N, C-alpha and C. Protein backbone atom coordinates (compact mmCIF):
# COMPACT_ATOMS: atom_id res chain seq x y z
N MET A 1 -17.33 -39.48 56.54
CA MET A 1 -17.01 -38.49 55.52
C MET A 1 -15.63 -37.90 55.81
N PHE A 2 -14.90 -37.63 54.76
CA PHE A 2 -13.55 -37.10 54.89
C PHE A 2 -13.57 -35.61 55.21
N ASN A 3 -12.85 -35.24 56.23
CA ASN A 3 -12.78 -33.84 56.65
C ASN A 3 -11.36 -33.32 56.41
N PRO A 4 -11.15 -32.44 55.41
CA PRO A 4 -9.80 -31.95 55.11
C PRO A 4 -9.16 -31.19 56.27
N SER A 5 -9.96 -30.61 57.15
CA SER A 5 -9.39 -29.84 58.25
C SER A 5 -8.68 -30.74 59.26
N MET A 6 -8.93 -32.05 59.19
CA MET A 6 -8.28 -32.98 60.11
C MET A 6 -6.89 -33.38 59.63
N GLN A 7 -6.53 -32.99 58.44
CA GLN A 7 -5.20 -33.31 57.93
C GLN A 7 -4.14 -32.52 58.69
N THR A 8 -2.97 -33.11 58.79
CA THR A 8 -1.87 -32.39 59.44
C THR A 8 -1.28 -31.39 58.45
N LYS A 9 -0.55 -30.42 58.99
CA LYS A 9 0.11 -29.44 58.13
C LYS A 9 1.30 -30.06 57.41
N PHE A 10 1.75 -31.19 57.92
CA PHE A 10 2.94 -31.84 57.36
C PHE A 10 2.53 -32.61 56.11
N SER A 11 2.91 -32.13 54.95
CA SER A 11 2.48 -32.75 53.70
C SER A 11 3.16 -34.10 53.52
N GLY A 12 2.58 -34.91 52.66
CA GLY A 12 3.12 -36.24 52.40
C GLY A 12 4.51 -36.20 51.82
N LYS A 13 4.79 -35.22 50.97
CA LYS A 13 6.11 -35.12 50.35
C LYS A 13 7.17 -34.82 51.41
N LYS A 14 6.89 -33.89 52.30
CA LYS A 14 7.86 -33.56 53.35
C LYS A 14 8.03 -34.71 54.33
N PHE A 15 6.92 -35.39 54.64
CA PHE A 15 7.00 -36.51 55.57
C PHE A 15 7.83 -37.64 54.97
N GLY A 16 7.65 -37.90 53.69
CA GLY A 16 8.44 -38.92 53.00
C GLY A 16 9.92 -38.56 52.98
N LEU A 17 10.22 -37.29 52.77
CA LEU A 17 11.60 -36.82 52.79
C LEU A 17 12.20 -36.99 54.18
N PHE A 18 11.42 -36.68 55.20
CA PHE A 18 11.87 -36.82 56.58
C PHE A 18 12.19 -38.28 56.90
N ILE A 19 11.32 -39.19 56.52
CA ILE A 19 11.54 -40.61 56.77
C ILE A 19 12.76 -41.11 56.00
N ALA A 20 12.88 -40.70 54.74
CA ALA A 20 14.01 -41.13 53.92
C ALA A 20 15.34 -40.64 54.50
N LEU A 21 15.37 -39.40 54.96
CA LEU A 21 16.60 -38.87 55.55
C LEU A 21 16.91 -39.56 56.87
N GLY A 22 15.89 -39.87 57.65
CA GLY A 22 16.11 -40.58 58.91
C GLY A 22 16.72 -41.96 58.67
N ILE A 23 16.16 -42.68 57.71
CA ILE A 23 16.70 -44.00 57.37
C ILE A 23 18.10 -43.86 56.80
N GLY A 24 18.31 -42.83 55.98
CA GLY A 24 19.64 -42.60 55.42
C GLY A 24 20.69 -42.31 56.48
N VAL A 25 20.31 -41.55 57.50
CA VAL A 25 21.24 -41.25 58.59
C VAL A 25 21.61 -42.53 59.33
N ILE A 26 20.62 -43.34 59.64
CA ILE A 26 20.89 -44.59 60.38
C ILE A 26 21.79 -45.52 59.56
N PHE A 27 21.46 -45.72 58.29
CA PHE A 27 22.28 -46.61 57.47
C PHE A 27 23.63 -45.98 57.14
N GLY A 28 23.68 -44.66 57.04
CA GLY A 28 24.96 -43.99 56.80
C GLY A 28 25.92 -44.18 57.95
N ILE A 29 25.42 -44.06 59.16
CA ILE A 29 26.27 -44.26 60.33
C ILE A 29 26.76 -45.71 60.37
N SER A 30 25.87 -46.65 60.08
CA SER A 30 26.29 -48.05 60.14
C SER A 30 27.25 -48.39 59.00
N PHE A 31 27.11 -47.75 57.85
CA PHE A 31 27.95 -48.06 56.70
C PHE A 31 29.34 -47.44 56.83
N PHE A 32 29.40 -46.18 57.27
CA PHE A 32 30.68 -45.48 57.31
C PHE A 32 31.44 -45.66 58.61
N SER A 33 30.82 -46.24 59.62
CA SER A 33 31.53 -46.46 60.88
C SER A 33 32.28 -47.78 60.81
N ASP A 34 33.18 -47.96 61.76
CA ASP A 34 33.92 -49.21 61.84
C ASP A 34 33.05 -50.34 62.36
N TYR A 35 31.95 -49.99 62.97
CA TYR A 35 31.06 -50.97 63.57
C TYR A 35 29.73 -50.95 62.84
N SER A 36 29.02 -52.03 62.94
CA SER A 36 27.71 -52.09 62.28
C SER A 36 26.60 -52.01 63.32
N ILE A 37 25.42 -51.69 62.86
CA ILE A 37 24.26 -51.60 63.75
C ILE A 37 23.95 -52.98 64.36
N THR A 38 24.32 -54.05 63.66
CA THR A 38 24.03 -55.38 64.18
C THR A 38 24.86 -55.70 65.41
N GLY A 39 25.95 -55.01 65.64
CA GLY A 39 26.70 -55.17 66.88
C GLY A 39 27.98 -55.95 66.77
N ALA A 40 28.39 -56.34 65.59
CA ALA A 40 29.62 -57.11 65.49
C ALA A 40 30.37 -56.74 64.21
N LEU A 41 31.69 -56.84 64.30
CA LEU A 41 32.55 -56.57 63.16
C LEU A 41 33.53 -57.73 63.06
N MET A 42 33.66 -58.33 61.90
CA MET A 42 34.60 -59.43 61.73
C MET A 42 35.97 -58.83 61.44
N MET A 43 36.91 -59.13 62.31
CA MET A 43 38.27 -58.60 62.16
C MET A 43 39.04 -59.48 61.19
N GLU A 44 40.22 -58.99 60.75
CA GLU A 44 41.03 -59.75 59.79
C GLU A 44 41.48 -61.08 60.38
N SER A 45 41.67 -61.13 61.69
CA SER A 45 42.12 -62.36 62.33
C SER A 45 41.00 -63.38 62.48
N GLY A 46 39.78 -63.00 62.15
CA GLY A 46 38.65 -63.90 62.27
C GLY A 46 37.87 -63.73 63.56
N GLU A 47 38.37 -62.87 64.46
CA GLU A 47 37.66 -62.62 65.71
C GLU A 47 36.49 -61.68 65.46
N VAL A 48 35.51 -61.77 66.31
CA VAL A 48 34.37 -60.87 66.22
C VAL A 48 34.54 -59.79 67.27
N ALA A 49 34.58 -58.54 66.82
CA ALA A 49 34.74 -57.40 67.73
C ALA A 49 33.38 -56.74 67.91
N THR A 50 32.97 -56.59 69.14
CA THR A 50 31.71 -55.90 69.41
C THR A 50 32.00 -54.49 69.90
N PHE A 51 31.06 -53.60 69.68
CA PHE A 51 31.28 -52.22 70.11
C PHE A 51 30.77 -52.00 71.52
N GLU A 52 31.27 -50.95 72.13
CA GLU A 52 30.88 -50.59 73.49
C GLU A 52 29.43 -50.10 73.50
N PRO A 53 28.71 -50.32 74.58
CA PRO A 53 27.34 -49.79 74.68
C PRO A 53 27.27 -48.27 74.59
N ILE A 54 28.35 -47.59 74.99
CA ILE A 54 28.35 -46.12 74.92
C ILE A 54 28.25 -45.66 73.47
N PHE A 55 28.79 -46.45 72.52
CA PHE A 55 28.69 -46.08 71.11
C PHE A 55 27.23 -46.07 70.66
N ILE A 56 26.47 -47.07 71.12
CA ILE A 56 25.04 -47.13 70.77
C ILE A 56 24.32 -45.91 71.33
N VAL A 57 24.62 -45.57 72.58
CA VAL A 57 23.96 -44.43 73.23
C VAL A 57 24.30 -43.14 72.50
N LEU A 58 25.58 -42.91 72.22
CA LEU A 58 26.00 -41.68 71.53
C LEU A 58 25.41 -41.59 70.13
N ALA A 59 25.43 -42.69 69.39
CA ALA A 59 24.86 -42.69 68.04
C ALA A 59 23.36 -42.41 68.08
N SER A 60 22.67 -42.98 69.06
CA SER A 60 21.23 -42.75 69.18
C SER A 60 20.93 -41.30 69.52
N ILE A 61 21.71 -40.71 70.43
CA ILE A 61 21.52 -39.31 70.79
C ILE A 61 21.74 -38.41 69.59
N ILE A 62 22.81 -38.66 68.84
CA ILE A 62 23.12 -37.85 67.65
C ILE A 62 22.00 -37.98 66.62
N ILE A 63 21.52 -39.19 66.38
CA ILE A 63 20.44 -39.40 65.41
C ILE A 63 19.18 -38.68 65.85
N PHE A 64 18.82 -38.78 67.14
CA PHE A 64 17.61 -38.11 67.62
C PHE A 64 17.74 -36.59 67.53
N ILE A 65 18.93 -36.05 67.80
CA ILE A 65 19.12 -34.60 67.69
C ILE A 65 18.96 -34.16 66.24
N ILE A 66 19.59 -34.89 65.33
CA ILE A 66 19.50 -34.55 63.90
C ILE A 66 18.05 -34.64 63.42
N LEU A 67 17.36 -35.72 63.81
CA LEU A 67 15.97 -35.88 63.38
C LEU A 67 15.05 -34.83 64.00
N SER A 68 15.33 -34.43 65.24
CA SER A 68 14.52 -33.39 65.87
C SER A 68 14.69 -32.05 65.17
N ILE A 69 15.93 -31.72 64.84
CA ILE A 69 16.20 -30.47 64.11
C ILE A 69 15.55 -30.51 62.74
N LEU A 70 15.66 -31.65 62.07
CA LEU A 70 15.06 -31.80 60.74
C LEU A 70 13.54 -31.70 60.82
N TRP A 71 12.94 -32.34 61.82
CA TRP A 71 11.49 -32.27 62.00
C TRP A 71 11.06 -30.82 62.21
N TRP A 72 11.75 -30.09 63.09
CA TRP A 72 11.42 -28.70 63.38
C TRP A 72 11.55 -27.85 62.12
N TRP A 73 12.62 -28.06 61.35
CA TRP A 73 12.87 -27.26 60.15
C TRP A 73 11.80 -27.53 59.09
N LEU A 74 11.44 -28.80 58.90
CA LEU A 74 10.43 -29.12 57.90
C LEU A 74 9.04 -28.66 58.33
N LYS A 75 8.76 -28.74 59.62
CA LYS A 75 7.45 -28.32 60.12
C LYS A 75 7.31 -26.80 60.02
N LYS A 76 8.43 -26.09 60.16
CA LYS A 76 8.44 -24.63 60.10
C LYS A 76 8.11 -24.13 58.70
N LYS A 77 8.52 -24.87 57.67
CA LYS A 77 8.30 -24.43 56.29
C LYS A 77 6.86 -24.55 55.86
């Protein structure tokens, strides 16, 4: 039997917004940066330029901070 008290306080609409914004942040960083999430950029000369591992670490930290703040803000409402 379904028990409504077992539902989380996080409504489906807010959770969907959270997921959409998270995906948007990840794709936004990959789209607007000089490098792609796949790890390679084709230069004009035809060479493949890869990004430094520190870029992946910094981008991941920034994304997790933004998502943590967003999660806290949405959960607070």
